[in-house]
Amino acid sequence: SVDHFNELSFDSEDRYGFYGDAADVQIRELYVN
């Protein structure tokens, strides 16, 4: 929703977004690229 993610232009009740951080380096090395 716009309330949760101000970069959205409209609410989408059937979709979700998340807040978080980049994973630890060890995990990133397993997957990135």
Full PDB file with SEQRES, HELIX, SHEET, SSBOND, CRYST1, ORIGX, SCALE, CONECT and MASTER records, all heavy atoms in Angstrom:
SEQRES   1 A   33  SER VAL ASP HIS PHE ASN GLU LEU SER PHE ASP SER GLU          
SEQRES   2 A   33  ASP ARG TYR GLY PHE TYR GLY ASP ALA ALA ASP VAL GLN          
SEQRES   3 A   33  ILE ARG GLU LEU TYR VAL ASN                                  
HELIX    1 AA1 VAL A   25  TYR A   31  1                                   7    
CRYST1    1.000    1.000    1.000  90.00  90.00  90.00 P 1           1          
ORIGX1      1.000000  0.000000  0.000000        0.00000                         
ORIGX2      0.000000  1.000000  0.000000        0.00000                         
ORIGX3      0.000000  0.000000  1.000000        0.00000                         
SCALE1      1.000000  0.000000  0.000000        0.00000                         
SCALE2      0.000000  1.000000  0.000000        0.00000                         
SCALE3      0.000000  0.000000  1.000000        0.00000                         
ATOM      1  N   SER A   1       0.850  -1.194   0.000  1.00  0.00           N  
ATOM      2  CA  SER A   1       0.000   0.000   0.000  1.00  0.00           C  
ATOM      3  C   SER A   1       0.885   1.244   0.000  1.00  0.00           C  
ATOM      4  O   SER A   1       2.056   1.192   0.373  1.00  0.00           O  
ATOM      5  CB  SER A   1      -0.912   0.008   1.229  1.00  0.00           C  
ATOM      6  OG  SER A   1      -0.161   0.218   2.399  1.00  0.00           O  
ATOM      7  N   VAL A   2       0.296   2.344  -0.415  1.00  0.00           N  
ATOM      8  CA  VAL A   2       1.014   3.614  -0.435  1.00  0.00           C  
ATOM      9  C   VAL A   2       1.456   4.004   0.979  1.00  0.00           C  
ATOM     10  O   VAL A   2       2.524   4.580   1.170  1.00  0.00           O  
ATOM     11  CB  VAL A   2       0.142   4.718  -1.079  1.00  0.00           C  
ATOM     12  CG1 VAL A   2       0.822   6.062  -1.036  1.00  0.00           C  
ATOM     13  CG2 VAL A   2      -0.211   4.328  -2.514  1.00  0.00           C  
ATOM     14  N   ASP A   3       0.646   3.656   1.981  1.00  0.00           N  
ATOM     15  CA  ASP A   3       1.009   3.953   3.366  1.00  0.00           C  
ATOM     16  C   ASP A   3       2.287   3.240   3.793  1.00  0.00           C  
ATOM     17  O   ASP A   3       3.085   3.789   4.542  1.00  0.00           O  
ATOM     18  CB  ASP A   3      -0.122   3.552   4.323  1.00  0.00           C  
ATOM     19  CG  ASP A   3      -1.343   4.442   4.185  1.00  0.00           C  
ATOM     20  OD1 ASP A   3      -1.202   5.584   3.693  1.00  0.00           O  
ATOM     21  OD2 ASP A   3      -2.438   3.991   4.562  1.00  0.00           O  
ATOM     22  N   HIS A   4       2.479   2.022   3.327  1.00  0.00           N  
ATOM     23  CA  HIS A   4       3.664   1.246   3.699  1.00  0.00           C  
ATOM     24  C   HIS A   4       4.862   1.508   2.796  1.00  0.00           C  
ATOM     25  O   HIS A   4       6.011   1.456   3.245  1.00  0.00           O  
ATOM     26  CB  HIS A   4       3.355  -0.250   3.677  1.00  0.00           C  
ATOM     27  CG  HIS A   4       2.358  -0.663   4.703  1.00  0.00           C  
ATOM     28  ND1 HIS A   4       1.403  -1.619   4.445  1.00  0.00           N  
ATOM     29  CD2 HIS A   4       2.138  -0.255   5.974  1.00  0.00           C  
ATOM     30  CE1 HIS A   4       0.657  -1.787   5.517  1.00  0.00           C  
ATOM     31  NE2 HIS A   4       1.074  -0.965   6.452  1.00  0.00           N  
ATOM     32  N   PHE A   5       4.599   1.750   1.517  1.00  0.00           N  
ATOM     33  CA  PHE A   5       5.655   1.957   0.518  1.00  0.00           C  
ATOM     34  C   PHE A   5       5.298   3.192  -0.298  1.00  0.00           C  
ATOM     35  O   PHE A   5       4.551   3.115  -1.271  1.00  0.00           O  
ATOM     36  CB  PHE A   5       5.775   0.723  -0.392  1.00  0.00           C  
ATOM     37  CG  PHE A   5       6.040  -0.549   0.365  1.00  0.00           C  
ATOM     38  CD1 PHE A   5       4.999  -1.418   0.672  1.00  0.00           C  
ATOM     39  CD2 PHE A   5       7.319  -0.875   0.788  1.00  0.00           C  
ATOM     40  CE1 PHE A   5       5.235  -2.590   1.375  1.00  0.00           C  
ATOM     41  CE2 PHE A   5       7.564  -2.039   1.495  1.00  0.00           C  
ATOM     42  CZ  PHE A   5       6.527  -2.897   1.793  1.00  0.00           C  
ATOM     43  N   ASN A   6       5.837   4.333   0.089  1.00  0.00           N  
ATOM     44  CA  ASN A   6       5.412   5.596  -0.526  1.00  0.00           C  
ATOM     45  C   ASN A   6       5.816   5.741  -1.995  1.00  0.00           C  
ATOM     46  O   ASN A   6       5.356   6.637  -2.675  1.00  0.00           O  
ATOM     47  CB  ASN A   6       5.880   6.805   0.287  1.00  0.00           C  
ATOM     48  CG  ASN A   6       7.378   6.867   0.428  1.00  0.00           C  
ATOM     49  OD1 ASN A   6       8.098   6.121  -0.208  1.00  0.00           O  
ATOM     50  ND2 ASN A   6       7.842   7.751   1.274  1.00  0.00           N  
ATOM     51  N   GLU A   7       6.667   4.834  -2.518  1.00  0.00           N  
ATOM     52  CA  GLU A   7       7.003   4.904  -3.937  1.00  0.00           C  
ATOM     53  C   GLU A   7       5.908   4.306  -4.821  1.00  0.00           C  
ATOM     54  O   GLU A   7       5.926   4.476  -6.042  1.00  0.00           O  
ATOM     55  CB  GLU A   7       8.342   4.200  -4.228  1.00  0.00           C  
ATOM     56  CG  GLU A   7       8.374   2.726  -3.920  1.00  0.00           C  
ATOM     57  CD  GLU A   7       8.731   2.404  -2.470  1.00  0.00           C  
ATOM     58  OE1 GLU A   7       8.775   3.312  -1.625  1.00  0.00           O  
ATOM     59  OE2 GLU A   7       8.948   1.228  -2.182  1.00  0.00           O  
ATOM     60  N   LEU A   8       4.924   3.632  -4.228  1.00  0.00           N  
ATOM     61  CA  LEU A   8       3.798   3.095  -4.985  1.00  0.00           C  
ATOM     62  C   LEU A   8       2.811   4.200  -5.313  1.00  0.00           C  
ATOM     63  O   LEU A   8       2.642   5.145  -4.545  1.00  0.00           O  
ATOM     64  CB  LEU A   8       3.083   2.002  -4.183  1.00  0.00           C  
ATOM     65  CG  LEU A   8       3.877   0.740  -3.873  1.00  0.00           C  
ATOM     66  CD1 LEU A   8       3.053  -0.201  -2.998  1.00  0.00           C  
ATOM     67  CD2 LEU A   8       4.298   0.048  -5.149  1.00  0.00           C  
ATOM     68  N   SER A   9       2.149   4.074  -6.456  1.00  0.00           N  
ATOM     69  CA  SER A   9       1.155   5.082  -6.839  1.00  0.00           C  
ATOM     70  C   SER A   9      -0.272   4.647  -6.502  1.00  0.00           C  
ATOM     71  O   SER A   9      -1.194   5.434  -6.617  1.00  0.00           O  
ATOM     72  CB  SER A   9       1.276   5.404  -8.328  1.00  0.00           C  
ATOM     73  OG  SER A   9       1.141   4.227  -9.092  1.00  0.00           O  
ATOM     74  N   PHE A  10      -0.447   3.365  -6.103  1.00  0.00           N  
ATOM     75  CA  PHE A  10      -1.773   2.887  -5.717  1.00  0.00           C  
ATOM     76  C   PHE A  10      -1.616   1.686  -4.784  1.00  0.00           C  
ATOM     77  O   PHE A  10      -0.582   1.028  -4.761  1.00  0.00           O  
ATOM     78  CB  PHE A  10      -2.618   2.506  -6.942  1.00  0.00           C  
ATOM     79  CG  PHE A  10      -2.008   1.431  -7.785  1.00  0.00           C  
ATOM     80  CD1 PHE A  10      -2.301   0.092  -7.547  1.00  0.00           C  
ATOM     81  CD2 PHE A  10      -1.128   1.739  -8.812  1.00  0.00           C  
ATOM     82  CE1 PHE A  10      -1.743  -0.914  -8.323  1.00  0.00           C  
ATOM     83  CE2 PHE A  10      -0.560   0.743  -9.587  1.00  0.00           C  
ATOM     84  CZ  PHE A  10      -0.871  -0.580  -9.338  1.00  0.00           C  
ATOM     85  N   ASP A  11      -2.662   1.416  -4.010  1.00  0.00           N  
ATOM     86  CA  ASP A  11      -2.663   0.254  -3.116  1.00  0.00           C  
ATOM     87  C   ASP A  11      -2.929  -1.015  -3.917  1.00  0.00           C  
ATOM     88  O   ASP A  11      -3.681  -1.007  -4.883  1.00  0.00           O  
ATOM     89  CB  ASP A  11      -3.744   0.396  -2.043  1.00  0.00           C  
ATOM     90  CG  ASP A  11      -3.460   1.518  -1.064  1.00  0.00           C  
ATOM     91  OD1 ASP A  11      -2.323   2.022  -1.037  1.00  0.00           O  
ATOM     92  OD2 ASP A  11      -4.383   1.885  -0.310  1.00  0.00           O  
ATOM     93  N   SER A  12      -2.316  -2.098  -3.490  1.00  0.00           N  
ATOM     94  CA  SER A  12      -2.533  -3.391  -4.124  1.00  0.00           C  
ATOM     95  C   SER A  12      -2.674  -4.427  -3.018  1.00  0.00           C  
ATOM     96  O   SER A  12      -1.701  -5.013  -2.571  1.00  0.00           O  
ATOM     97  CB  SER A  12      -1.360  -3.729  -5.053  1.00  0.00           C  
ATOM     98  OG  SER A  12      -1.618  -4.905  -5.761  1.00  0.00           O  
ATOM     99  N   GLU A  13      -3.901  -4.628  -2.566  1.00  0.00           N  
ATOM    100  CA  GLU A  13      -4.176  -5.476  -1.398  1.00  0.00           C  
ATOM    101  C   GLU A  13      -3.796  -6.942  -1.595  1.00  0.00           C  
ATOM    102  O   GLU A  13      -3.645  -7.675  -0.634  1.00  0.00           O  
ATOM    103  CB  GLU A  13      -5.657  -5.365  -1.029  1.00  0.00           C  
ATOM    104  CG  GLU A  13      -6.102  -3.950  -0.748  1.00  0.00           C  
ATOM    105  CD  GLU A  13      -6.368  -3.682   0.716  1.00  0.00           C  
ATOM    106  OE1 GLU A  13      -6.567  -4.649   1.453  1.00  0.00           O  
ATOM    107  OE2 GLU A  13      -6.361  -2.503   1.093  1.00  0.00           O  
ATOM    108  N   ASP A  14      -3.634  -7.374  -2.840  1.00  0.00           N  
ATOM    109  CA  ASP A  14      -3.280  -8.779  -3.077  1.00  0.00           C  
ATOM    110  C   ASP A  14      -1.772  -8.976  -3.279  1.00  0.00           C  
ATOM    111  O   ASP A  14      -1.329 -10.049  -3.638  1.00  0.00           O  
ATOM    112  CB  ASP A  14      -4.052  -9.341  -4.273  1.00  0.00           C  
ATOM    113  CG  ASP A  14      -3.806  -8.557  -5.551  1.00  0.00           C  
ATOM    114  OD1 ASP A  14      -3.371  -7.406  -5.467  1.00  0.00           O  
ATOM    115  OD2 ASP A  14      -4.054  -9.106  -6.635  1.00  0.00           O  
ATOM    116  N   ARG A  15      -0.990  -7.937  -3.035  1.00  0.00           N  
ATOM    117  CA  ARG A  15       0.467  -8.021  -3.149  1.00  0.00           C  
ATOM    118  C   ARG A  15       1.118  -7.616  -1.840  1.00  0.00           C  
ATOM    119  O   ARG A  15       0.544  -6.897  -1.037  1.00  0.00           O  
ATOM    120  CB  ARG A  15       0.980  -7.118  -4.271  1.00  0.00           C  
ATOM    121  CG  ARG A  15       0.568  -7.603  -5.635  1.00  0.00           C  
ATOM    122  CD  ARG A  15       1.185  -6.722  -6.702  1.00  0.00           C  
ATOM    123  NE  ARG A  15       0.834  -7.220  -8.010  1.00  0.00           N  
ATOM    124  CZ  ARG A  15       1.664  -7.892  -8.783  1.00  0.00           C  
ATOM    125  NH1 ARG A  15       2.894  -8.114  -8.403  1.00  0.00           N  
ATOM    126  NH2 ARG A  15       1.275  -8.329  -9.954  1.00  0.00           N  
ATOM    127  N   TYR A  16       2.347  -8.087  -1.667  1.00  0.00           N  
ATOM    128  CA  TYR A  16       3.101  -7.783  -0.453  1.00  0.00           C  
ATOM    129  C   TYR A  16       4.477  -7.256  -0.818  1.00  0.00           C  
ATOM    130  O   TYR A  16       4.994  -7.522  -1.895  1.00  0.00           O  
ATOM    131  CB  TYR A  16       3.267  -9.038   0.411  1.00  0.00           C  
ATOM    132  CG  TYR A  16       1.992  -9.438   1.088  1.00  0.00           C  
ATOM    133  CD1 TYR A  16       1.021 -10.167   0.420  1.00  0.00           C  
ATOM    134  CD2 TYR A  16       1.737  -9.060   2.396  1.00  0.00           C  
ATOM    135  CE1 TYR A  16      -0.168 -10.518   1.026  1.00  0.00           C  
ATOM    136  CE2 TYR A  16       0.550  -9.404   3.017  1.00  0.00           C  
ATOM    137  CZ  TYR A  16      -0.392 -10.137   2.322  1.00  0.00           C  
ATOM    138  OH  TYR A  16      -1.560 -10.467   2.938  1.00  0.00           O  
ATOM    139  N   GLY A  17       5.048  -6.518   0.099  1.00  0.00           N  
ATOM    140  CA  GLY A  17       6.416  -6.041  -0.017  1.00  0.00           C  
ATOM    141  C   GLY A  17       7.106  -6.315   1.308  1.00  0.00           C  
ATOM    142  O   GLY A  17       6.460  -6.723   2.275  1.00  0.00           O  
ATOM    143  N   PHE A  18       8.393  -6.090   1.351  1.00  0.00           N  
ATOM    144  CA  PHE A  18       9.110  -6.364   2.595  1.00  0.00           C  
ATOM    145  C   PHE A  18      10.111  -5.264   2.910  1.00  0.00           C  
ATOM    146  O   PHE A  18      10.554  -4.532   2.038  1.00  0.00           O  
ATOM    147  CB  PHE A  18       9.829  -7.717   2.529  1.00  0.00           C  
ATOM    148  CG  PHE A  18      11.002  -7.749   1.572  1.00  0.00           C  
ATOM    149  CD1 PHE A  18      12.287  -7.446   2.001  1.00  0.00           C  
ATOM    150  CD2 PHE A  18      10.811  -8.100   0.252  1.00  0.00           C  
ATOM    151  CE1 PHE A  18      13.359  -7.477   1.123  1.00  0.00           C  
ATOM    152  CE2 PHE A  18      11.868  -8.144  -0.630  1.00  0.00           C  
ATOM    153  CZ  PHE A  18      13.150  -7.823  -0.191  1.00  0.00           C  
ATOM    154  N   TYR A  19      10.428  -5.175   4.173  1.00  0.00           N  
ATOM    155  CA  TYR A  19      11.544  -4.374   4.651  1.00  0.00           C  
ATOM    156  C   TYR A  19      12.586  -5.365   5.135  1.00  0.00           C  
ATOM    157  O   TYR A  19      12.251  -6.415   5.697  1.00  0.00           O  
ATOM    158  CB  TYR A  19      11.131  -3.455   5.801  1.00  0.00           C  
ATOM    159  CG  TYR A  19      10.312  -2.268   5.363  1.00  0.00           C  
ATOM    160  CD1 TYR A  19       8.962  -2.190   5.661  1.00  0.00           C  
ATOM    161  CD2 TYR A  19      10.893  -1.241   4.651  1.00  0.00           C  
ATOM    162  CE1 TYR A  19       8.199  -1.107   5.262  1.00  0.00           C  
ATOM    163  CE2 TYR A  19      10.143  -0.155   4.240  1.00  0.00           C  
ATOM    164  CZ  TYR A  19       8.803  -0.088   4.548  1.00  0.00           C  
ATOM    165  OH  TYR A  19       8.058   0.974   4.142  1.00  0.00           O  
ATOM    166  N   GLY A  20      13.825  -5.054   4.899  1.00  0.00           N  
ATOM    167  CA  GLY A  20      14.902  -5.934   5.328  1.00  0.00           C  
ATOM    168  C   GLY A  20      16.234  -5.365   4.899  1.00  0.00           C  
ATOM    169  O   GLY A  20      16.326  -4.214   4.472  1.00  0.00           O  
ATOM    170  N   ASP A  21      17.247  -6.196   5.002  1.00  0.00           N  
ATOM    171  CA  ASP A  21      18.607  -5.779   4.665  1.00  0.00           C  
ATOM    172  C   ASP A  21      19.217  -6.795   3.719  1.00  0.00           C  
ATOM    173  O   ASP A  21      18.703  -7.904   3.554  1.00  0.00           O  
ATOM    174  CB  ASP A  21      19.453  -5.703   5.938  1.00  0.00           C  
ATOM    175  CG  ASP A  21      18.952  -4.637   6.905  1.00  0.00           C  
ATOM    176  OD1 ASP A  21      18.841  -3.474   6.483  1.00  0.00           O  
ATOM    177  OD2 ASP A  21      18.660  -4.973   8.054  1.00  0.00           O  
ATOM    178  N   ALA A  22      20.345  -6.417   3.143  1.00  0.00           N  
ATOM    179  CA  ALA A  22      21.093  -7.383   2.346  1.00  0.00           C  
ATOM    180  C   ALA A  22      21.505  -8.529   3.260  1.00  0.00           C  
ATOM    181  O   ALA A  22      21.783  -8.332   4.448  1.00  0.00           O  
ATOM    182  CB  ALA A  22      22.319  -6.721   1.726  1.00  0.00           C  
ATOM    183  N   ALA A  23      21.508  -9.731   2.716  1.00  0.00           N  
ATOM    184  CA  ALA A  23      21.896 -10.912   3.494  1.00  0.00           C  
ATOM    185  C   ALA A  23      23.380 -10.834   3.865  1.00  0.00           C  
ATOM    186  O   ALA A  23      24.140 -10.049   3.284  1.00  0.00           O  
ATOM    187  CB  ALA A  23      21.617 -12.173   2.677  1.00  0.00           C  
ATOM    188  N   ASP A  24      23.779 -11.662   4.802  1.00  0.00           N  
ATOM    189  CA  ASP A  24      25.187 -11.732   5.201  1.00  0.00           C  
ATOM    190  C   ASP A  24      26.061 -12.074   4.002  1.00  0.00           C  
ATOM    191  O   ASP A  24      25.627 -12.736   3.057  1.00  0.00           O  
ATOM    192  CB  ASP A  24      25.393 -12.797   6.278  1.00  0.00           C  
ATOM    193  CG  ASP A  24      24.751 -12.415   7.605  1.00  0.00           C  
ATOM    194  OD1 ASP A  24      24.532 -11.208   7.846  1.00  0.00           O  
ATOM    195  OD2 ASP A  24      24.469 -13.336   8.392  1.00  0.00           O  
ATOM    196  N   VAL A  25      27.299 -11.681   4.065  1.00  0.00           N  
ATOM    197  CA  VAL A  25      28.249 -11.881   2.965  1.00  0.00           C  
ATOM    198  C   VAL A  25      28.338 -13.354   2.558  1.00  0.00           C  
ATOM    199  O   VAL A  25      28.363 -13.665   1.365  1.00  0.00           O  
ATOM    200  CB  VAL A  25      29.650 -11.339   3.353  1.00  0.00           C  
ATOM    201  CG1 VAL A  25      30.683 -11.699   2.314  1.00  0.00           C  
ATOM    202  CG2 VAL A  25      29.595  -9.837   3.548  1.00  0.00           C  
ATOM    203  N   GLN A  26      28.350 -14.251   3.518  1.00  0.00           N  
ATOM    204  CA  GLN A  26      28.475 -15.679   3.197  1.00  0.00           C  
ATOM    205  C   GLN A  26      27.303 -16.162   2.340  1.00  0.00           C  
ATOM    206  O   GLN A  26      27.493 -16.951   1.408  1.00  0.00           O  
ATOM    207  CB  GLN A  26      28.534 -16.542   4.478  1.00  0.00           C  
ATOM    208  CG  GLN A  26      29.694 -16.241   5.373  1.00  0.00           C  
ATOM    209  CD  GLN A  26      29.366 -15.179   6.427  1.00  0.00           C  
ATOM    210  OE1 GLN A  26      28.529 -14.300   6.220  1.00  0.00           O  
ATOM    211  NE2 GLN A  26      30.051 -15.239   7.554  1.00  0.00           N  
ATOM    212  N   ILE A  27      26.104 -15.692   2.634  1.00  0.00           N  
ATOM    213  CA  ILE A  27      24.915 -16.064   1.853  1.00  0.00           C  
ATOM    214  C   ILE A  27      24.968 -15.412   0.479  1.00  0.00           C  
ATOM    215  O   ILE A  27      24.708 -16.062  -0.539  1.00  0.00           O  
ATOM    216  CB  ILE A  27      23.613 -15.653   2.591  1.00  0.00           C  
ATOM    217  CG1 ILE A  27      23.509 -16.354   3.935  1.00  0.00           C  
ATOM    218  CG2 ILE A  27      22.386 -15.893   1.723  1.00  0.00           C  
ATOM    219  CD1 ILE A  27      23.391 -17.857   3.856  1.00  0.00           C  
ATOM    220  N   ARG A  28      25.335 -14.137   0.438  1.00  0.00           N  
ATOM    221  CA  ARG A  28      25.408 -13.424  -0.837  1.00  0.00           C  
ATOM    222  C   ARG A  28      26.406 -14.087  -1.776  1.00  0.00           C  
ATOM    223  O   ARG A  28      26.158 -14.216  -2.976  1.00  0.00           O  
ATOM    224  CB  ARG A  28      25.771 -11.966  -0.609  1.00  0.00           C  
ATOM    225  CG  ARG A  28      24.658 -11.190   0.116  1.00  0.00           C  
ATOM    226  CD  ARG A  28      25.013  -9.732   0.345  1.00  0.00           C  
ATOM    227  NE  ARG A  28      24.970  -9.040  -0.931  1.00  0.00           N  
ATOM    228  CZ  ARG A  28      26.054  -8.529  -1.529  1.00  0.00           C  
ATOM    229  NH1 ARG A  28      27.239  -8.619  -0.973  1.00  0.00           N  
ATOM    230  NH2 ARG A  28      25.930  -7.916  -2.683  1.00  0.00           N  
ATOM    231  N   GLU A  29      27.534 -14.547  -1.246  1.00  0.00           N  
ATOM    232  CA  GLU A  29      28.547 -15.196  -2.084  1.00  0.00           C  
ATOM    233  C   GLU A  29      28.032 -16.484  -2.723  1.00  0.00           C  
ATOM    234  O   GLU A  29      28.488 -16.876  -3.793  1.00  0.00           O  
ATOM    235  CB  GLU A  29      29.812 -15.484  -1.270  1.00  0.00           C  
ATOM    236  CG  GLU A  29      30.605 -14.232  -0.973  1.00  0.00           C  
ATOM    237  CD  GLU A  29      31.808 -14.474  -0.067  1.00  0.00           C  
ATOM    238  OE1 GLU A  29      31.917 -15.575   0.527  1.00  0.00           O  
ATOM    239  OE2 GLU A  29      32.630 -13.556   0.048  1.00  0.00           O  
ATOM    240  N   LEU A  30      27.085 -17.139  -2.079  1.00  0.00           N  
ATOM    241  CA  LEU A  30      26.505 -18.365  -2.629  1.00  0.00           C  
ATOM    242  C   LEU A  30      25.615 -18.097  -3.843  1.00  0.00           C  
ATOM    243  O   LEU A  30      25.461 -18.969  -4.698  1.00  0.00           O  
ATOM    244  CB  LEU A  30      25.662 -19.082  -1.571  1.00  0.00           C  
ATOM    245  CG  LEU A  30      26.388 -19.716  -0.400  1.00  0.00           C  
ATOM    246  CD1 LEU A  30      25.378 -20.227   0.624  1.00  0.00           C  
ATOM    247  CD2 LEU A  30      27.289 -20.845  -0.883  1.00  0.00           C  
ATOM    248  N   TYR A  31      25.003 -16.909  -3.902  1.00  0.00           N  
ATOM    249  CA  TYR A  31      23.959 -16.656  -4.894  1.00  0.00           C  
ATOM    250  C   TYR A  31      24.242 -15.539  -5.896  1.00  0.00           C  
ATOM    251  O   TYR A  31      23.892 -15.686  -7.070  1.00  0.00           O  
ATOM    252  CB  TYR A  31      22.639 -16.333  -4.179  1.00  0.00           C  
ATOM    253  CG  TYR A  31      22.111 -17.494  -3.380  1.00  0.00           C  
ATOM    254  CD1 TYR A  31      22.237 -17.514  -1.996  1.00  0.00           C  
ATOM    255  CD2 TYR A  31      21.485 -18.566  -3.997  1.00  0.00           C  
ATOM    256  CE1 TYR A  31      21.756 -18.583  -1.254  1.00  0.00           C  
ATOM    257  CE2 TYR A  31      21.002 -19.638  -3.268  1.00  0.00           C  
ATOM    258  CZ  TYR A  31      21.141 -19.643  -1.898  1.00  0.00           C  
ATOM    259  OH  TYR A  31      20.679 -20.701  -1.168  1.00  0.00           O  
ATOM    260  N   VAL A  32      24.806 -14.421  -5.461  1.00  0.00           N  
ATOM    261  CA  VAL A  32      24.945 -13.250  -6.342  1.00  0.00           C  
ATOM    262  C   VAL A  32      25.815 -13.596  -7.556  1.00  0.00           C  
ATOM    263  O   VAL A  32      26.840 -14.269  -7.435  1.00  0.00           O  
ATOM    264  CB  VAL A  32      25.514 -12.042  -5.566  1.00  0.00           C  
ATOM    265  CG1 VAL A  32      25.808 -10.878  -6.501  1.00  0.00           C  
ATOM    266  CG2 VAL A  32      24.524 -11.603  -4.488  1.00  0.00           C  
ATOM    267  N   ASN A  33      25.355 -13.151  -8.706  1.00  0.00           N  
ATOM    268  CA  ASN A  33      25.974 -13.374 -10.014  1.00  0.00           C  
ATOM    269  C   ASN A  33      25.865 -14.823 -10.496  1.00  0.00           C  
ATOM    270  O   ASN A  33      26.573 -15.220 -11.414  1.00  0.00           O  
ATOM    271  CB  ASN A  33      27.436 -12.913 -10.045  1.00  0.00           C  
ATOM    272  CG  ASN A  33      27.560 -11.426  -9.881  1.00  0.00           C  
ATOM    273  OD1 ASN A  33      26.760 -10.668 -10.412  1.00  0.00           O  
ATOM    274  ND2 ASN A  33      28.535 -10.995  -9.117  1.00  0.00           N  
TER     275      ASN A  33                                                      
MASTER        0    0    0    1    0    0    0    6  274    1    0    3          
END                                                                             
